[in-house]
Protein backbone atom coordinates (compact mmCIF):
# COMPACT_ATOMS: atom_id res chain seq x y z
CA MET A 1 64.04 215.35 134.08
CA PRO A 2 61.51 212.63 133.12
CA ALA A 3 59.93 212.99 129.67
CA GLN A 4 56.46 213.17 131.20
CA THR A 5 57.45 216.14 133.35
CA LYS A 6 59.04 217.89 130.37
CA ASN A 7 55.84 217.47 128.40
CA LEU A 8 53.72 218.86 131.24
CA ILE A 9 55.97 221.92 131.34
CA ARG A 10 55.75 222.31 127.55
CA MET A 11 51.97 221.99 127.64
CA THR A 12 51.80 224.69 130.32
CA GLU A 13 54.14 226.95 128.35
CA GLY A 14 52.09 226.39 125.22
CA ARG A 15 48.86 227.24 126.99
CA GLN A 16 50.33 230.41 128.49
CA ALA A 17 51.59 231.51 125.07
CA PHE A 18 48.18 230.76 123.52
CA LEU A 19 46.37 232.88 126.11
CA LYS A 20 48.77 235.73 125.33
CA ARG A 21 47.86 235.35 121.63
CA ASP A 22 51.40 234.19 120.84
CA TYR A 23 50.05 231.37 118.67
CA TRP A 24 53.32 230.53 116.94
CA GLY A 25 55.04 230.33 120.32
CA ALA A 26 52.27 228.03 121.55
CA LEU A 27 52.65 225.85 118.47
CA ASP A 28 56.40 225.50 119.03
CA SER A 29 55.79 224.13 122.54
CA TYR A 30 52.96 221.85 121.47
CA ARG A 31 54.91 220.37 118.55
CA GLN A 32 57.64 219.19 120.92
CA VAL A 33 55.02 217.31 122.92
CA TYR A 34 53.39 215.94 119.77
CA LYS A 35 56.69 214.41 118.59
CA GLU A 36 56.73 212.20 121.67
CA ASN A 37 53.00 211.62 122.00
CA PRO A 38 51.20 211.93 118.63
CA ASP A 39 48.23 209.90 119.86
CA GLY A 40 47.40 212.05 122.87
CA ALA A 41 43.89 213.46 122.61
CA LEU A 42 44.71 216.65 124.50
CA ILE A 43 47.79 217.55 122.45
CA ASN A 44 45.82 217.03 119.24
CA PHE A 45 43.07 219.27 120.59
CA ARG A 46 45.54 221.98 121.63
CA ILE A 47 47.29 221.99 118.25
CA GLY A 48 43.92 222.07 116.48
CA GLU A 49 42.79 224.96 118.67
CA THR A 50 45.99 226.87 117.90
CA GLN A 51 45.83 226.20 114.16
CA TYR A 52 42.26 227.50 114.20
CA ALA A 53 43.45 230.70 115.89
CA LEU A 54 46.08 231.02 113.14
CA LYS A 55 43.28 230.59 110.57
CA HIS A 56 44.79 227.37 109.23
CA TYR A 57 41.36 225.80 109.19
CA ASP A 58 42.13 222.72 107.10
CA ILE A 59 45.02 221.80 109.42
CA ALA A 60 42.90 222.54 112.49
CA ARG A 61 40.20 220.20 111.19
CA ASP A 62 42.61 217.26 110.94
CA TYR A 63 43.93 217.63 114.49
CA LEU A 64 40.48 218.22 115.99
CA GLU A 65 38.99 215.22 114.20
CA LYS A 66 41.86 213.08 115.49
CA ALA A 67 41.28 214.38 119.02
CA GLN A 68 37.62 213.40 118.72
CA GLU A 69 38.53 209.88 117.56
CA LEU A 70 40.92 209.46 120.50
CA ASP A 71 38.64 210.93 123.19
CA SER A 72 35.49 212.88 122.41
CA ASP A 73 35.42 214.13 126.02
CA VAL A 74 38.92 215.64 125.84
CA ASP A 75 37.54 219.19 126.15
CA VAL A 76 34.09 220.62 126.75
CA ASP A 77 34.42 222.85 123.68
CA LEU A 78 35.65 220.21 121.20
CA TYR A 79 32.36 219.96 119.30
CA PHE A 80 31.96 223.73 119.28
CA LEU A 81 35.44 224.22 117.82
CA LEU A 82 34.79 221.54 115.21
CA GLY A 83 31.60 223.39 114.29
CA GLN A 84 33.53 226.65 113.99
CA THR A 85 36.22 225.01 111.87
CA TYR A 86 33.78 223.46 109.39
CA HIS A 87 31.86 226.76 109.34
CA ARG A 88 35.05 228.59 108.27
CA LEU A 89 35.71 225.89 105.65
CA ALA A 90 32.16 226.40 104.31
CA GLU A 91 31.30 222.75 105.00
CA LEU A 92 28.06 223.93 106.47
CA GLU A 93 26.15 220.67 107.02
CA LYS A 94 29.08 219.33 109.07
CA ALA A 95 29.28 222.63 110.93
CA LYS A 96 25.61 222.39 111.88
CA THR A 97 26.04 218.77 112.97
CA TYR A 98 28.80 219.69 115.41
CA TYR A 99 27.02 222.80 116.64
CA ARG A 100 23.97 220.64 117.42
CA LYS A 101 26.11 218.04 119.20
CA TYR A 102 27.60 220.81 121.28
CA ARG A 103 24.14 222.16 122.07
CA GLU A 104 23.07 218.73 123.31
CA ILE A 105 25.90 218.35 125.82
CA SER A 106 26.63 221.89 127.02
CA SER A 107 24.89 223.98 129.65
CA ASP A 108 22.33 226.61 128.69
CA ALA A 109 24.56 229.38 130.06
CA ARG A 110 27.52 228.23 127.99
CA GLN A 111 25.36 227.91 124.88
CA LYS A 112 24.05 231.43 125.35
CA ARG A 113 27.56 232.83 125.80
CA LEU A 114 28.74 231.17 122.59
CA ASN A 115 25.44 231.90 120.79
CA VAL A 116 25.22 228.41 119.28
CA SER A 117 21.67 228.68 117.92
CA ALA A 118 22.62 231.88 116.12
CA LEU A 119 25.63 230.15 114.55
CA ILE A 120 23.37 227.41 113.19
CA ALA A 121 21.14 230.12 111.74
CA GLN A 122 24.22 231.68 110.12
CA CYS A 123 24.99 228.37 108.44
CA ASP A 124 21.44 228.15 107.09
CA TYR A 125 21.66 231.72 105.82
CA ALA A 126 25.07 231.10 104.23
CA GLN A 127 23.74 228.08 102.34
CA GLU A 128 20.84 230.12 100.98
CA MET A 129 23.03 233.06 99.97
CA MET A 130 25.63 230.80 98.34
CA ALA A 131 22.87 229.24 96.25
CA GLN A 132 22.16 232.60 94.61
CA ALA A 133 25.62 234.09 94.05
CA ILE A 134 25.75 237.56 92.53
CA PRO A 135 27.63 237.87 89.20
CA VAL A 136 31.04 239.30 90.10
CA THR A 137 34.62 238.39 89.19
CA ILE A 138 37.17 238.34 92.01
CA THR A 139 40.91 238.67 91.35
CA ASN A 140 43.75 238.46 93.86
CA LEU A 141 46.05 241.47 93.40
CA ASP A 142 49.02 239.12 93.68
CA LYS A 143 52.47 239.83 95.06
CA GLU A 144 52.66 243.37 93.72
CA ILE A 145 50.26 244.23 96.55
CA ASN A 146 49.91 241.21 98.82
CA SER A 147 52.46 239.42 100.97
CA ARG A 148 52.51 236.26 103.05
CA PHE A 149 51.52 238.50 105.96
CA ASP A 150 48.19 240.25 106.56
CA ASP A 151 47.29 242.95 104.03
CA TYR A 152 44.04 244.85 104.49
CA ALA A 153 42.07 248.12 104.64
CA PRO A 154 42.42 249.16 100.97
CA SER A 155 41.22 252.66 100.15
CA VAL A 156 41.20 254.11 96.66
CA THR A 157 40.89 257.64 95.33
CA ALA A 158 37.75 258.57 93.42
CA ASP A 159 39.54 258.36 90.06
CA GLY A 160 40.91 254.91 90.90
CA GLN A 161 44.53 255.98 90.31
CA MET A 162 45.95 255.53 93.82
CA MET A 163 45.38 252.89 96.49
CA VAL A 164 46.58 252.92 100.09
CA TYR A 165 46.39 250.00 102.50
CA THR A 166 47.78 248.46 105.68
CA SER A 167 50.26 245.59 105.91
CA ARG A 168 51.73 243.54 108.76
CA ARG A 169 54.87 242.67 106.74
CA PRO A 170 58.40 243.51 107.90
CA SER A 171 60.46 246.04 105.96
CA GLU A 172 64.07 247.17 105.78
CA THR A 173 63.34 249.95 108.25
CA SER A 174 60.59 248.32 110.33
CA ASN A 175 60.66 244.75 111.60
CA ALA A 176 59.52 245.14 115.20
CA VAL A 177 56.93 242.74 116.61
CA ASP A 178 53.98 243.69 118.82
CA GLU A 179 54.96 241.55 121.79
CA ASN A 180 52.22 243.04 123.98
CA GLY A 181 49.54 242.34 121.39
CA ASP A 182 49.15 239.64 118.77
CA HIS A 183 52.89 238.96 118.23
CA LYS A 184 52.72 240.03 114.59
CA TYR A 185 54.79 242.75 112.95
CA PHE A 186 53.50 246.25 113.65
CA GLU A 187 51.16 247.76 111.07
CA ASP A 188 52.56 250.03 108.37
CA ILE A 189 50.92 251.97 105.55
CA TYR A 190 51.67 251.23 101.89
CA TYR A 191 50.54 252.75 98.60
CA SER A 192 50.33 251.74 94.94
CA GLU A 193 49.58 253.65 91.75
CA TRP A 194 47.52 252.43 88.82
CA ASN A 195 49.48 251.74 85.64
CA LYS A 196 47.09 252.79 82.87
CA GLU A 197 49.16 251.39 80.02
CA GLU A 198 49.41 247.90 81.51
CA SER A 199 46.09 247.98 83.42
CA ARG A 200 47.60 246.86 86.70
CA TRP A 201 48.71 248.13 90.09
CA GLU A 202 52.39 248.98 90.48
CA ALA A 203 54.47 247.26 93.16
CA ALA A 204 53.51 248.73 96.52
CA GLU A 205 55.78 251.11 98.38
CA ARG A 206 55.89 251.93 102.07
CA PHE A 207 55.07 255.47 103.20
CA SER A 208 57.98 257.39 104.71
CA GLU A 209 58.73 257.69 108.43
CA LYS A 210 56.73 260.92 108.46
CA VAL A 211 53.60 258.79 108.21
CA ASN A 212 54.83 255.43 109.53
CA SER A 213 56.15 255.23 113.08
CA PRO A 214 57.96 252.35 114.86
CA THR A 215 54.60 251.05 116.18
CA HIS A 216 51.06 250.74 114.79
CA ASP A 217 50.09 252.91 111.82
CA ALA A 218 47.07 251.82 109.80
CA VAL A 219 45.05 253.23 106.94
CA LEU A 220 41.52 254.33 107.71
CA SER A 221 40.85 255.90 104.31
CA ILE A 222 42.08 258.33 101.69
CA ASN A 223 39.72 261.05 100.52
CA GLY A 224 38.39 261.11 96.98
CA SER A 225 40.81 263.75 95.72
CA GLY A 226 43.78 261.90 97.21
CA ASP A 227 45.22 264.72 99.32
CA LYS A 228 44.06 263.66 102.79
CA LEU A 229 45.08 260.38 104.39
CA PHE A 230 43.24 259.30 107.53
CA VAL A 231 45.43 257.21 109.79
CA TYR A 232 44.88 255.13 112.91
CA LYS A 233 47.60 255.17 115.56
CA ASN A 234 47.76 253.00 118.65
CA ASP A 235 50.75 252.95 121.00
CA SER A 236 51.70 254.14 124.49
CA ASP A 237 51.12 257.75 123.41
CA HIS A 238 48.07 257.25 121.18
CA ALA A 239 45.12 255.25 122.52
CA GLY A 240 43.55 254.22 119.23
CA ASP A 241 42.74 257.60 117.67
CA ILE A 242 42.14 259.08 114.22
CA TYR A 243 44.84 261.23 112.60
CA VAL A 244 45.06 262.99 109.25
CA SER A 245 48.05 263.58 106.96
CA GLU A 246 47.83 266.09 104.11
CA PHE A 247 49.65 266.02 100.80
CA LYS A 248 51.31 269.33 99.87
CA GLY A 249 54.13 268.21 97.66
CA GLN A 250 54.82 265.52 100.26
CA TRP A 251 52.81 263.86 103.00
CA SER A 252 52.79 265.72 106.31
CA ILE A 253 53.22 264.24 109.77
CA PRO A 254 49.73 263.02 110.77
CA GLU A 255 47.88 265.28 113.19
CA LYS A 256 45.27 264.07 115.64
CA LEU A 257 41.69 265.05 114.88
CA PRO A 258 40.24 267.20 117.66
CA ARG A 259 37.50 266.41 120.09
CA PRO A 260 34.68 265.58 119.83
CA ILE A 261 35.80 263.15 117.08
CA ASN A 262 38.52 261.54 119.20
CA THR A 263 37.91 260.59 122.81
CA SER A 264 39.74 258.54 125.41
CA TYR A 265 37.95 255.51 123.93
CA PHE A 266 38.79 253.51 120.81
CA GLU A 267 38.08 255.27 117.50
CA SER A 268 38.65 253.53 114.20
CA SER A 269 37.52 253.62 110.58
CA VAL A 270 36.61 256.94 109.02
CA SER A 271 35.10 257.95 105.70
CA ILE A 272 34.48 261.49 104.53
CA THR A 273 32.05 262.73 101.89
CA ALA A 274 33.33 264.06 98.56
CA ASP A 275 32.71 267.68 99.61
CA GLY A 276 34.72 267.12 102.81
CA ASN A 277 31.93 268.35 105.07
CA THR A 278 30.53 265.15 106.58
CA MET A 279 32.51 262.47 108.38
CA TYR A 280 31.38 258.97 109.31
CA PHE A 281 33.50 257.03 111.80
CA VAL A 282 33.46 254.11 114.22
CA SER A 283 33.87 254.59 117.97
CA GLU A 284 33.58 252.49 121.11
CA ARG A 285 32.61 255.49 123.25
CA PRO A 286 30.00 254.95 126.00
CA LYS A 287 26.25 254.96 125.42
CA GLY A 288 26.54 253.19 122.11
CA LEU A 289 24.36 250.23 121.16
CA GLY A 290 27.18 247.68 120.87
CA ARG A 291 30.92 247.34 120.99
CA GLY A 292 31.66 249.68 118.07
CA ASP A 293 29.02 252.02 116.63
CA ILE A 294 28.99 254.27 113.57
CA TYR A 295 28.72 258.02 114.17
CA VAL A 296 28.37 261.05 111.92
CA SER A 297 29.81 264.54 112.40
CA HIS A 298 29.53 267.67 110.26
CA ARG A 299 32.21 270.25 109.62
CA THR A 300 31.52 273.55 111.42
CA SER A 301 34.71 275.35 110.38
CA ALA A 302 38.03 274.62 108.71
CA ASP A 303 39.33 272.72 111.74
CA SER A 304 36.32 271.85 113.88
CA TRP A 305 33.46 269.35 113.78
CA SER A 306 30.00 269.09 115.30
CA ARG A 307 29.17 266.79 118.18
CA PRO A 308 28.97 263.25 116.69
CA GLU A 309 25.56 261.63 116.39
CA ASN A 310 25.01 257.88 116.65
CA LEU A 311 23.41 256.59 113.44
CA GLY A 312 20.88 254.69 115.52
CA GLU A 313 19.35 251.23 115.68
CA VAL A 314 18.75 250.77 111.96
CA ILE A 315 22.51 250.79 111.31
CA ASN A 316 24.12 249.98 114.66
CA THR A 317 23.51 246.78 116.60
CA THR A 318 24.30 245.18 119.94
CA GLY A 319 27.16 243.45 118.09
CA ASP A 320 30.11 245.24 116.51
CA GLU A 321 30.27 247.65 113.60
CA LYS A 322 33.94 248.01 112.67
CA PHE A 323 34.22 249.68 109.26
CA VAL A 324 32.40 252.42 107.36
CA PHE A 325 32.58 253.76 103.79
CA ILE A 326 30.43 256.57 102.40
CA HIS A 327 30.05 256.33 98.64
CA PRO A 328 31.09 259.39 96.57
CA ASN A 329 27.38 260.02 95.94
CA GLY A 330 27.10 260.99 99.63
CA SER A 331 23.91 259.04 100.27
CA THR A 332 24.92 255.36 100.17
CA LEU A 333 26.65 253.95 103.22
CA PHE A 334 28.56 250.68 103.30
CA PHE A 335 29.73 249.19 106.57
CA ALA A 336 30.98 245.97 108.15
CA SER A 337 29.09 244.34 110.99
CA ASN A 338 28.79 241.08 112.88
CA GLY A 339 25.55 242.23 114.49
CA HIS A 340 23.27 242.04 111.47
CA LEU A 341 22.54 238.65 109.90
CA THR A 342 25.79 237.39 108.35
CA LEU A 343 27.18 234.29 106.67
CA GLY A 344 29.59 233.62 109.50
CA SER A 345 31.65 236.58 110.68
CA TYR A 346 31.81 240.24 109.68
CA ASP A 347 29.95 240.95 106.44
CA ILE A 348 29.56 244.13 104.41
CA PHE A 349 26.16 245.82 104.27
CA ARG A 350 24.61 248.68 102.33
CA SER A 351 22.12 251.33 103.44
CA GLU A 352 20.82 254.51 101.80
CA ILE A 353 19.53 257.70 103.34
CA VAL A 354 16.01 258.43 102.08
CA ASP A 355 14.03 261.41 103.37
CA GLY A 356 16.48 261.79 106.22
CA GLU A 357 16.22 258.15 107.35
CA TRP A 358 18.55 255.20 106.79
CA THR A 359 17.03 252.24 104.97
CA THR A 360 17.27 248.74 106.42
CA PRO A 361 20.80 247.44 105.71
CA VAL A 362 21.16 244.84 102.96
CA ASN A 363 23.85 242.15 103.01
CA LEU A 364 25.95 242.45 99.82
CA GLY A 365 25.67 238.71 99.33
CA TYR A 366 27.94 235.89 98.20
CA PRO A 367 30.72 235.78 96.98
CA ILE A 368 31.58 239.30 98.17
CA ASN A 369 30.64 238.14 101.66
CA THR A 370 31.64 234.64 102.74
CA VAL A 371 31.70 232.51 105.88
CA ASN A 372 34.90 234.31 106.90
CA GLU A 373 35.57 237.97 107.64
CA GLU A 374 34.99 240.72 105.10
CA SER A 375 35.39 244.05 106.84
CA THR A 376 37.36 246.64 104.86
CA PHE A 377 36.91 247.80 101.28
CA SER A 378 36.70 250.77 98.94
CA MET A 379 34.83 251.45 95.72
CA THR A 380 35.76 253.57 92.72
CA ALA A 381 33.45 256.47 91.90
CA ASP A 382 32.33 254.82 88.64
CA ASN A 383 31.04 251.81 90.64
CA GLN A 384 32.99 249.38 88.46
CA LYS A 385 35.59 248.15 90.96
CA LEU A 386 35.56 247.09 94.56
CA LEU A 387 38.86 246.71 96.40
CA ILE A 388 38.39 244.45 99.40
CA SER A 389 40.48 242.70 102.01
CA ALA A 390 39.24 239.19 102.61
CA GLU A 391 40.11 235.70 103.79
CA TYR A 392 39.27 233.95 100.53
CA PRO A 393 40.76 230.44 100.13
CA ASP A 394 43.30 231.32 97.41
CA GLY A 395 45.12 233.97 99.43
CA ILE A 396 48.88 234.50 99.53
CA GLY A 397 48.62 235.41 103.22
CA ALA A 398 45.89 235.00 105.83
CA ARG A 399 44.25 238.22 104.56
CA ASP A 400 44.78 239.55 101.05
CA ILE A 401 43.52 242.43 98.96
CA TYR A 402 41.32 241.56 96.00
CA GLU A 403 39.75 243.46 93.13
CA ILE A 404 36.11 242.71 92.39
CA ASP A 405 34.71 243.49 88.94
CA LEU A 406 31.22 244.94 89.45
CA SER A 407 30.37 245.49 85.79
CA GLN A 408 27.65 242.80 85.94
CA ALA A 409 26.37 243.55 89.46
CA ASP A 410 24.83 246.81 90.64
CA ILE A 411 25.62 246.64 94.35
CA LEU A 412 24.77 250.31 94.67
CA HIS A 413 21.08 249.85 93.91
CA SER A 414 20.03 246.25 93.34
CA LEU A 415 21.59 242.95 94.33
CA ASN A 416 18.94 240.62 92.87
CA ILE A 417 18.75 238.74 96.16
CA ASP A 418 15.60 236.76 96.90
CA SER A 419 13.09 239.03 98.65
CA GLU A 420 12.47 236.31 101.24
CA LEU A 421 16.12 236.51 102.32
CA LEU A 422 15.90 240.27 102.62
CA ASP A 423 12.77 239.90 104.73
CA ARG A 424 14.64 237.50 107.03
CA GLN A 425 17.21 240.22 107.67
CA ARG A 426 14.45 242.66 108.60
CA ASN A 427 11.71 240.56 110.18
CA VAL A 428 11.12 237.91 112.83
CA THR A 429 8.49 235.19 112.49
CA VAL A 430 6.37 235.16 115.65
CA TYR A 431 4.37 231.96 115.97
CA GLY A 432 2.61 229.88 118.58
CA ARG A 433 -0.64 228.31 119.78
CA ILE A 434 -3.54 229.95 121.58
CA THR A 435 -5.52 227.67 123.91
CA SER A 436 -8.07 227.84 126.72
CA ASP A 437 -8.91 225.72 129.77
CA LYS A 438 -5.24 225.31 130.75
CA GLY A 439 -4.20 224.20 127.30
CA GLU A 440 -7.00 221.69 126.81
CA LYS A 441 -8.92 223.48 124.05
CA PRO A 442 -7.58 225.23 120.95
CA ALA A 443 -8.72 228.84 120.63
CA ALA A 444 -9.76 228.67 116.99
CA PHE A 445 -10.32 231.58 114.62
CA LEU A 446 -9.31 234.37 116.99
CA ASP A 447 -7.41 237.53 116.10
CA VAL A 448 -3.96 237.98 117.65
CA ILE A 449 -3.24 241.71 117.41
CA PHE A 450 0.29 243.07 117.79
CA TYR A 451 0.81 246.64 119.05
CA ASP A 452 4.10 248.55 118.72
CA THR A 453 5.03 249.66 122.26
CA ARG A 454 6.51 252.90 120.93
CA THR A 455 3.25 254.13 119.42
CA ASP A 456 0.58 251.85 120.98
CA MET A 457 -0.71 251.34 117.45
CA ALA A 458 -1.75 247.99 115.98
CA VAL A 459 0.77 246.94 113.32
CA PHE A 460 -0.19 243.35 112.50
CA THR A 461 -3.14 241.03 112.99
CA ALA A 462 -2.78 237.26 112.79
CA ARG A 463 -5.66 234.79 112.97
CA THR A 464 -5.56 231.38 114.62
CA ASP A 465 -6.52 228.29 112.65
CA ARG A 466 -8.81 225.53 113.90
CA ARG A 467 -5.96 224.11 116.02
CA GLY A 468 -5.23 227.49 117.60
CA ASN A 469 -2.00 228.01 115.68
CA TYR A 470 -1.01 231.41 114.29
CA GLU A 471 1.95 233.08 112.59
CA ALA A 472 3.02 236.71 112.18
CA SER A 473 5.96 238.48 110.54
CA LEU A 474 7.13 241.55 112.49
CA PRO A 475 10.05 243.99 112.09
CA ARG A 476 12.81 243.01 114.52
CA ASP A 477 13.66 246.58 115.53
CA ALA A 478 10.73 246.99 117.95
CA ASN A 479 8.95 245.46 120.95
CA TYR A 480 5.27 244.57 120.89
CA ILE A 481 2.26 243.70 123.01
CA ALA A 482 0.19 240.77 121.71
CA LYS A 483 -3.50 240.99 122.59
CA VAL A 484 -6.16 238.28 122.26
CA ALA A 485 -9.82 238.49 123.27
CA LEU A 486 -11.62 235.17 123.89
CA ILE A 487 -14.62 236.90 125.45
CA PRO A 488 -15.54 240.48 124.45
CA GLY A 489 -14.00 242.89 126.93
CA VAL A 490 -11.66 240.28 128.46
CA ILE A 491 -8.25 240.76 126.86
CA GLU A 492 -5.14 238.70 127.42
CA LYS A 493 -1.79 240.47 126.89
CA GLU A 494 1.77 239.21 126.43
CA LYS A 495 5.03 241.04 125.73
CA VAL A 496 6.95 240.26 122.56
CA ASN A 497 10.47 241.68 122.95
CA LEU A 498 12.07 241.22 119.54
CA LYS A 499 14.80 243.81 120.12
CA ASP A 500 16.36 241.44 122.68
CA LEU A 501 16.90 238.71 120.09
CA PHE A 502 20.27 237.93 118.59
CA PRO A 503 20.39 239.21 114.97
CA GLU A 504 20.60 235.66 113.61
CA GLU A 505 17.47 234.52 115.48
CA ASN A 506 14.58 234.69 113.06
CA GLU A 507 11.80 233.07 115.08
CA PHE A 508 10.02 233.85 118.35
CA GLN A 509 7.55 231.44 119.94
CA LEU A 510 4.64 232.86 121.93
CA ASP A 511 1.98 230.51 123.30
CA MET A 512 -0.96 231.87 125.30
CA ASP A 513 -3.62 230.19 127.42
CA LEU A 514 -6.82 232.17 127.87
C-alpha cells in the first residue's frame, strides 16, 4: 500500500478516535503520519487540536503555531484554537490577538456559536483580576493525595479531620476504562485522614467495593459530621443520580435518594446544611435556566424531601452551574459556573441569603480562580482552609487537589476586589447617540429614561451631552424600555433586552433617531 494511502487511512482513524473523545488513540494515529510528514500543515493542526483536548496547552501551542506558519488557511478554526490555547496559558494579549483575527475572517453565525466577543471580554476581565490578586497561599497536596491521573471533588468534614475525593487512577481491584465515554479509567472514591502530629494528610485509600463499583462512582460531598457520604453513580443502571452511604461502624452500600430529588435527568453535586434539613443540588431537569441549575429542597421527614425549587436568575444562568457548596453557617452559598463573568472557564462564586433573597454572586478572584477550570472545592468550618481541585500549572496530573491557606483572606465576607470589577459582574453599560432629522442633528441635553419592564417604574435617567451622546449603567438581570421626549407629549420608545446578553458582554449600544 502506498505511503500516501496509509497516511490518509491513519488521518481518518485519528479523526474518528478524536470525535469519540479517544484523544490518546487519535494521537497514536497522528504521530505515525507526523513521522513521515512533519511539515504538513494539517497534521500539525490535528496534533495541536488533540494536545489541546488533552490539556497539554504548551505542546498544543507549538504544533498550532507551526501549522499557522505552514498554511494559515489549513482550518477555519485555527485562529480560534490558537486564541483558546493562549487563553489557557494565561498569555492573554496573544489570546485576544488570535480571537480578533478569527472574528475578522469567520461568519457571524460561527462567531456567535463560539461566543468570540465574550471570550475577549473574559481575557480583559482576567487581566484585571490578576492585577489585584487576593492574599492566599496555594499548596499542592502532593503524591499522598494526587496522582498523574485526574483527582478532583474534594470534600472535607467540618472539623477538617477527613477528606474524601474522586480519582480517575487505576487500582489493584479497578483498572477498567470507560470506552463509551472519555477513555479514562472509571471514577473511584478515595479518602484521607488528617495527621495532627505531622500536620499533613495521610496517604489516600480507596473506599471498599461497598461504595465503589466497577463503573463510575464519584464524590458529591461528605456532611459536616462525617457520617453521610453523597455519591454520584452513572452506568447502564444509574442515569447520573445522587446516592447516599451512611457510616455505622462501616460505610453502607449507597442508596438512591428518592424523588423528587432524583429524576430521569442528570443530577450532580449536592451539599447539605449542618442541621441536615436543607439540601442544595445541581440538576439538568427541564424548565431550568441553563444546562445545569442549582435547586434547593427541605427535609419533610426522615426519608423524604420537599419539591425542589430553582434558586432563580440571581444564581442560575443560561450557561452551566455544575457545583454547589453550602457553608456550615447555612447562609453562604458557593458554586461553580461558566455563565457568570469568569476568567476563562468555570469559576467559583459566592452569594449570601439576606432577608430571604440571594445577593448578587461575587467571583472569588485570582489566584483561586484562574483562566482554567475551578469547579469543585470544600471549606473547613473555621474558614481557614479551602480544598480545591484545579488545573494549576504545577500539577502532578491534569487536575490536582490543592490546599489554600485563607488566613489572610476573608472569602466569606470580603474579597477586597475593586468595586468597579464587582459592578461589571452586575451591570451593563448602555450607551449610544440620540439624533433627529434622520441622524443629521444631535439631540442635546435630553433625558433618556429607562423603565424596568417588570414594574413599569423608572430606574435610571441619563442625559445626552451636546453631541447627543449618553451613558447609563443598568443591572443585567432585567429588560428595559428607553423613553426619550424631543417634543412634549411625543415619546420615542426602544426596547433594551439586557437579559439576552451573554454574561461576559458588558456593553449594549442603543442609538435613537427622533
